[in-house]
Protein backbone atom coordinates (compact mmCIF):
# COMPACT_ATOMS: atom_id res chain seq x y z
CA MET A 1 74.96 103.72 101.55
CA LYS A 2 74.74 104.08 97.85
CA LEU A 3 76.89 101.97 95.55
CA ALA A 4 78.83 103.15 92.53
CA SER A 5 77.61 102.40 88.99
CA GLU A 6 80.24 99.72 88.59
CA LEU A 7 79.35 97.92 91.71
CA LYS A 8 75.56 98.18 90.75
CA ASP A 9 76.39 96.34 87.72
CA LEU A 10 78.37 93.79 89.37
CA CYS A 11 75.37 93.12 91.64
CA THR A 12 73.41 92.46 88.77
CA ARG A 13 76.04 90.06 87.18
CA LEU A 14 76.16 88.25 90.57
CA GLY A 15 72.38 88.18 90.92
CA HIS A 16 72.71 89.46 94.45
CA GLN A 17 71.53 92.83 95.88
CA PHE A 18 73.33 93.62 99.11
CA ALA A 19 71.39 94.68 102.26
CA GLN A 20 74.88 95.71 103.49
CA PRO A 21 76.51 97.43 100.55
CA GLU A 22 79.66 98.28 102.71
CA LEU A 23 80.56 94.57 102.44
CA LEU A 24 80.81 94.65 98.73
CA ILE A 25 82.76 97.73 98.92
CA GLU A 26 85.31 96.29 101.21
CA ALA A 27 85.39 93.04 99.08
CA THR A 28 86.32 95.11 95.91
CA THR A 29 88.97 97.17 97.64
CA HIS A 30 92.67 96.00 96.98
CA SER A 31 95.11 96.62 99.57
CA SER A 32 96.85 99.04 97.23
CA LEU A 33 94.11 101.42 97.84
CA SER A 34 93.31 100.76 101.54
CA SER A 35 93.98 103.28 104.24
CA ALA A 36 93.15 103.90 107.82
CA THR A 37 89.56 104.70 106.83
CA ARG A 38 89.17 102.27 104.09
CA ALA A 39 89.40 98.51 104.66
CA ASP A 40 90.93 96.36 102.03
CA ASN A 41 89.60 92.84 100.99
CA GLN A 42 92.15 90.62 102.67
CA ARG A 43 90.08 89.66 105.85
CA LEU A 44 87.06 88.84 103.76
CA GLU A 45 89.27 86.83 101.17
CA PHE A 46 90.46 84.65 104.18
CA LEU A 47 86.85 83.76 105.06
CA GLY A 48 85.50 83.56 101.43
CA ASP A 49 88.37 80.87 100.82
CA ARG A 50 86.84 78.73 103.55
CA VAL A 51 83.26 79.20 102.53
CA LEU A 52 84.08 78.28 98.98
CA ALA A 53 85.95 75.06 100.17
CA LEU A 54 83.07 73.96 102.12
CA VAL A 55 80.62 74.49 99.30
CA ILE A 56 82.88 72.80 96.76
CA ALA A 57 83.72 69.90 99.00
CA GLN A 58 80.07 69.18 99.69
CA ALA A 59 79.11 69.42 95.99
CA LEU A 60 81.75 66.83 95.03
CA LEU A 61 80.72 64.41 97.66
CA GLU A 62 77.21 64.76 96.50
CA LYS A 63 78.16 64.39 92.85
CA ASP A 64 80.15 61.21 93.33
CA LYS A 65 79.14 59.21 96.15
CA ASP A 66 81.46 56.48 95.45
CA ALA A 67 84.68 58.39 94.97
CA SER A 68 87.50 58.08 97.45
CA GLU A 69 89.42 60.92 98.94
CA GLY A 70 92.28 60.26 96.69
CA ILE A 71 89.97 60.90 93.75
CA LEU A 72 88.07 63.79 95.25
CA ALA A 73 91.26 65.74 96.44
CA PRO A 74 92.55 66.65 92.94
CA ARG A 75 89.16 67.64 91.75
CA PHE A 76 88.65 69.79 94.75
CA ASN A 77 92.00 71.53 94.36
CA ALA A 78 91.19 72.20 90.67
CA LEU A 79 88.04 74.00 91.70
CA VAL A 80 89.33 76.13 94.60
CA ARG A 81 92.78 77.14 93.25
CA LYS A 82 93.54 80.74 92.46
CA GLU A 83 93.47 80.24 88.85
CA ALA A 84 89.85 78.77 89.03
CA CYS A 85 88.68 81.73 91.21
CA ALA A 86 90.25 84.29 88.86
CA ASP A 87 88.55 82.47 85.79
CA VAL A 88 85.11 82.94 87.64
CA ALA A 89 86.05 86.43 88.44
CA MET A 90 86.69 87.13 84.69
CA GLN A 91 83.35 85.51 83.72
CA ILE A 92 81.56 88.04 85.82
CA ASP A 93 83.91 90.80 84.83
CA LEU A 94 84.73 91.46 88.48
CA GLY A 95 87.90 93.24 87.53
CA ALA A 96 85.71 96.26 86.28
CA ALA A 97 84.58 96.98 89.70
CA LEU A 98 87.88 96.55 91.54
CA LYS A 99 89.36 99.60 93.45
CA LEU A 100 92.92 99.65 92.99
CA GLY A 101 95.83 101.89 93.90
CA ARG A 102 97.43 103.81 90.93
CA SER A 103 100.44 101.53 90.49
CA GLU A 104 98.24 98.49 90.30
CA MET A 105 95.90 100.14 87.97
CA LEU A 106 98.90 101.14 85.53
CA SER A 107 100.29 97.66 85.86
CA GLY A 108 97.14 95.81 84.62
CA GLY A 109 95.99 94.70 88.14
CA ARG A 110 92.34 94.15 86.94
CA LYS A 111 93.54 91.21 84.93
CA LYS A 112 96.12 89.70 87.55
CA ILE A 113 95.30 86.29 88.48
CA ALA A 114 96.19 86.59 92.17
CA ILE A 115 94.15 89.96 92.48
CA LEU A 116 91.21 88.43 90.77
CA GLY A 117 91.12 85.25 92.66
CA ASP A 118 91.40 87.02 96.01
CA ALA A 119 88.58 89.39 95.12
CA MET A 120 86.53 86.58 94.04
CA GLU A 121 86.89 84.89 97.45
CA ALA A 122 86.21 88.20 99.14
CA VAL A 123 82.90 88.53 97.21
CA ILE A 124 81.88 85.11 98.36
CA ALA A 125 82.64 86.14 101.92
CA ALA A 126 80.57 89.34 101.51
CA VAL A 127 77.45 87.51 100.09
CA TYR A 128 77.88 85.02 103.00
CA LEU A 129 77.88 87.59 105.62
CA ASP A 130 75.14 89.65 103.85
CA ALA A 131 72.54 86.91 103.29
CA GLY A 132 73.76 83.61 104.88
CA PHE A 133 74.89 80.22 103.70
CA ASP A 134 72.06 79.12 101.52
CA THR A 135 72.32 82.40 99.34
CA VAL A 136 76.19 82.08 98.89
CA GLU A 137 75.87 78.38 98.20
CA ASN A 138 73.38 78.91 95.53
CA LEU A 139 75.76 81.64 94.11
CA ILE A 140 78.66 79.26 94.04
CA MET A 141 76.74 76.57 92.53
CA ARG A 142 75.68 78.72 89.76
CA LEU A 143 79.10 80.16 88.90
CA TRP A 144 80.99 76.96 89.44
CA GLY A 145 78.23 74.64 88.21
CA GLU A 146 79.77 73.59 84.93
CA ARG A 147 83.24 73.46 86.28
CA ILE A 148 82.08 70.93 89.06
CA ASN A 149 80.73 68.71 86.20
CA THR A 150 83.90 68.81 84.52
CA ALA A 151 86.14 68.76 87.54
CA GLU A 152 87.62 65.30 86.73
CA ASP A 153 89.16 66.54 83.52
CA ASP A 154 90.28 69.91 85.08
CA ALA A 155 91.94 68.24 87.99
CA ARG A 156 94.65 66.79 85.72
CA ASP A 157 97.53 69.11 86.84
CA PRO A 158 100.14 69.39 83.89
CA LYS A 159 103.18 69.29 86.02
CA THR A 160 102.13 66.31 88.22
CA THR A 161 101.10 64.39 85.08
CA LEU A 162 104.26 65.11 83.20
CA GLN A 163 106.43 64.04 86.16
CA GLU A 164 104.34 60.81 86.48
CA TRP A 165 104.83 60.10 82.73
CA ALA A 166 108.59 60.71 83.12
CA GLN A 167 108.78 58.47 86.07
CA GLY A 168 106.69 55.80 84.27
CA HIS A 169 109.26 55.80 81.37
CA LYS A 170 112.32 55.57 83.78
CA MET A 171 113.36 59.16 83.03
CA LEU A 172 114.67 61.88 85.34
CA PRO A 173 112.01 64.37 86.61
CA PRO A 174 111.31 67.31 84.28
CA LYS A 175 113.29 70.55 84.60
CA TYR A 176 111.70 74.06 84.43
CA VAL A 177 114.31 76.53 83.22
CA GLU A 178 113.55 80.36 83.18
CA ILE A 179 114.98 81.27 79.67
CA GLY A 180 113.70 84.85 79.53
CA ARG A 181 111.95 87.68 81.23
CA ALA A 182 110.21 90.67 79.69
CA GLY A 183 108.21 93.66 80.91
CA PRO A 184 108.70 96.16 83.71
CA ASP A 185 109.49 94.87 87.44
CA HIS A 186 105.77 95.48 88.60
CA ALA A 187 104.46 93.53 85.57
CA PRO A 188 106.86 90.87 84.51
CA VAL A 189 106.30 88.09 82.00
CA PHE A 190 108.20 85.09 82.39
CA GLU A 191 109.40 82.57 79.58
CA ILE A 192 109.85 79.09 81.08
CA GLU A 193 111.15 75.88 79.18
CA ALA A 194 110.05 72.54 80.47
CA GLN A 195 112.58 69.99 79.63
CA LEU A 196 112.82 66.18 79.60
CA SER A 197 115.89 64.07 79.94
CA ASN A 198 115.05 62.52 76.21
CA GLY A 199 115.66 65.90 74.85
CA LEU A 200 111.96 67.02 74.17
CA SER A 201 111.13 70.53 75.47
CA ALA A 202 108.40 73.10 75.30
CA THR A 203 108.28 76.89 76.33
CA ALA A 204 105.51 79.06 77.49
CA ASN A 205 104.98 82.73 78.72
CA ALA A 206 102.98 83.98 81.47
CA PRO A 207 102.79 86.72 84.14
CA SER A 208 103.99 84.11 86.86
CA LYS A 209 106.68 81.51 87.01
CA ARG A 210 104.09 79.00 88.24
CA GLN A 211 101.64 79.75 85.50
CA ALA A 212 104.25 79.66 82.95
CA GLN A 213 105.66 76.25 84.23
CA GLN A 214 102.17 74.71 84.11
CA MET A 215 101.69 76.00 80.60
CA ALA A 216 105.00 74.64 79.34
CA ALA A 217 104.37 71.21 80.97
CA ALA A 218 100.95 71.11 79.17
CA LYS A 219 102.52 71.89 75.81
CA LEU A 220 105.13 69.08 76.59
CA LEU A 221 102.33 66.74 77.35
CA GLU A 222 100.81 67.34 73.97
CA GLN A 223 104.20 65.97 72.42
CA VAL A 224 104.59 62.92 74.63
CA ASP A 225 100.83 61.95 74.63
CA PRO A 226 100.71 60.13 77.91
């Protein structure tokens, strides 16, 4: 089976040539394009999520042999969450190789965090099934390497940190209020305001409420300097 040029280019960026190219085709096919004869990447995404988790967990254990579970858990979460996977996907321009339905293509699906994150996990599963654990471990360590080294900083979740700061200063938990929404229904942009009971606030815009909340919390943290 021959690969299209965009998939060949992706193989080059991955540093892996597939013995079973159909796995890569499946991994890069979004559900908006799937059909009775064309499988989407949801099953591979399920497997890739678990493969990534194992590799990252092992890497963190080896990096810091004295760290407790309470220290390792937030680092782990920072490295395997959807945003991290999407960031790696953008690093290798995975979006350019995705097969999307017309509606997703028109709504900017190649840049959506959820689609990119799922596809990255699916590609990990495809490499695992194609070449085994050692190969996919090397791939993950190469793509996530610097992130693993800085996981302690990345694990600082803005919403959690802001809530802890508020509690430490005898304040009510922060509120997150949707103050605006723009764009069409299939590609909305949310404007969220993070508010503290002392009157401080900050706003942010993002394609998802969760992302906008995190960004607003991060901006508010810059004001309070916890």
